[in-house]
Amino acid sequence: MRLGFEGGQLPLIKKLPMLRGFTNIFRTEYSVVNVDRLAAFPADSEVTPQSMVDAGIVKNLKNPVKVLGRGELGIPLVVEANKFSRSGREKIEAAGGSVREVG
C-alpha cells in the first residue's frame, strides 16, 4: 500500500489544501519604501533607515529596508538602505543624489 492511502476515502493531504506547497524558510521580508515617499525629506539631507522610522515611513527596523522606484524625486538626497531596485537607484541618482547600501 502506498503512503497516505486511507482505505478509499479522501486522503488527509487532499482535505487540507492550504498545507500543500512550499514555504521558503530562508526568505527575507523587506520593508518597502518607494522613491515618492522620500520627497518628504529636505534637500541634501542624509536619509537612513532610522530617519525613515522617525518620519513614519517605515514601522520598525526589524526588517531590512528596500527602496523601490515608484514615483518621482526632484531633490538630491543621500539615501542609505539595505537594497535598491534598479529603477529606484536610477531615479535617486538622476535627481542629483547618491545611494549607499548598508550591510
Protein backbone atom coordinates (compact mmCIF):
# COMPACT_ATOMS: atom_id res chain seq x y z
CA MET A 1 0.00 0.00 0.00
CA ARG A 2 1.24 3.46 -0.81
CA LEU A 3 1.97 6.13 1.76
CA GLY A 4 -1.09 8.24 2.52
CA PHE A 5 -3.63 5.59 1.45
CA GLU A 6 -6.66 5.69 3.76
CA GLY A 7 -8.80 2.82 2.51
CA GLY A 8 -10.52 4.58 -0.37
CA GLN A 9 -11.71 7.70 1.46
CA LEU A 10 -10.36 11.14 0.61
CA PRO A 11 -6.76 11.33 1.87
CA LEU A 12 -5.91 13.85 4.55
CA ILE A 13 -3.49 15.71 2.26
CA LYS A 14 -6.39 16.49 -0.10
CA LYS A 15 -8.70 17.53 2.72
CA LEU A 16 -6.25 20.22 3.81
CA PRO A 17 -5.20 22.00 0.60
CA MET A 18 -3.73 25.00 2.41
CA LEU A 19 -0.95 22.82 3.81
CA ARG A 20 0.33 21.77 0.40
CA GLY A 21 3.06 23.60 -1.42
CA PHE A 22 6.41 25.01 -0.49
CA THR A 23 7.29 27.66 2.07
CA ASN A 24 10.81 29.03 1.84
CA ILE A 25 12.05 29.40 5.41
CA PHE A 26 15.07 31.41 4.26
CA ARG A 27 13.03 34.17 2.53
CA THR A 28 13.91 37.72 3.52
CA GLU A 29 10.97 40.05 4.12
CA TYR A 30 11.75 43.70 3.35
CA SER A 31 10.17 46.94 4.49
CA VAL A 32 9.41 48.56 1.14
CA VAL A 33 9.83 52.31 0.57
CA ASN A 34 9.05 53.97 -2.75
CA VAL A 35 11.00 56.93 -4.11
CA ASP A 36 8.00 59.27 -3.91
CA ARG A 37 7.89 58.81 -0.10
CA LEU A 38 11.48 60.09 0.16
CA ALA A 39 10.38 63.51 -1.14
CA ALA A 40 9.23 64.31 2.42
CA PHE A 41 12.86 64.88 3.46
CA PRO A 42 14.59 68.25 2.91
CA ALA A 43 17.04 68.62 0.04
CA ASP A 44 20.65 67.46 0.51
CA SER A 45 19.79 65.51 3.66
CA GLU A 46 21.03 62.05 4.55
CA VAL A 47 18.21 59.51 4.70
CA THR A 48 18.97 56.45 6.84
CA PRO A 49 16.67 53.60 7.89
CA GLN A 50 16.47 55.16 11.36
CA SER A 51 15.40 58.54 9.92
CA MET A 52 12.71 56.72 7.90
CA VAL A 53 11.38 55.21 11.14
CA ASP A 54 11.41 58.64 12.80
CA ALA A 55 9.47 60.13 9.85
CA GLY A 56 6.90 57.31 9.96
CA ILE A 57 7.73 55.91 6.53
CA VAL A 58 8.91 52.56 7.95
CA LYS A 59 7.30 51.00 11.04
CA ASN A 60 10.41 49.47 12.62
CA LEU A 61 13.89 48.23 11.83
CA LYS A 62 13.04 44.57 12.36
CA ASN A 63 13.05 44.01 8.59
CA PRO A 64 15.71 45.37 6.22
CA VAL A 65 14.70 48.36 4.06
CA LYS A 66 14.39 48.17 0.26
CA VAL A 67 13.88 51.28 -1.89
CA LEU A 68 11.72 50.81 -5.00
CA GLY A 69 11.29 53.16 -7.95
CA ARG A 70 7.60 54.16 -7.95
CA GLY A 71 7.09 57.92 -8.24
CA GLU A 72 9.44 60.79 -8.91
CA LEU A 73 12.07 62.53 -6.83
CA GLY A 74 13.01 66.13 -7.57
CA ILE A 75 15.51 66.82 -4.77
CA PRO A 76 19.01 65.43 -4.22
CA LEU A 77 19.29 63.05 -1.25
CA VAL A 78 21.89 60.71 0.16
CA VAL A 79 19.90 57.53 0.78
CA GLU A 80 21.08 54.57 2.87
CA ALA A 81 19.18 51.28 2.67
CA ASN A 82 19.81 47.56 2.63
CA LYS A 83 18.72 47.11 -1.01
CA PHE A 84 17.73 49.22 -4.01
CA SER A 85 15.81 48.32 -7.12
CA ARG A 86 17.46 49.35 -10.37
CA SER A 87 14.79 51.98 -11.13
CA GLY A 88 14.93 53.34 -7.57
CA ARG A 89 18.70 53.73 -7.76
CA GLU A 90 18.46 55.45 -11.17
CA LYS A 91 15.80 57.93 -10.02
CA ILE A 92 17.74 58.94 -6.90
CA GLU A 93 20.93 59.42 -8.91
CA ALA A 94 19.06 61.31 -11.68
CA ALA A 95 17.83 63.79 -9.07
CA GLY A 96 21.45 64.51 -8.11
CA GLY A 97 21.56 62.29 -5.04
CA SER A 98 23.55 59.21 -4.18
CA VAL A 99 22.79 55.76 -2.79
CA ARG A 100 24.65 53.75 -0.18
CA GLU A 101 23.91 50.11 0.59
CA VAL A 102 24.16 49.22 4.26
CA GLY A 103 25.16 45.64 5.18
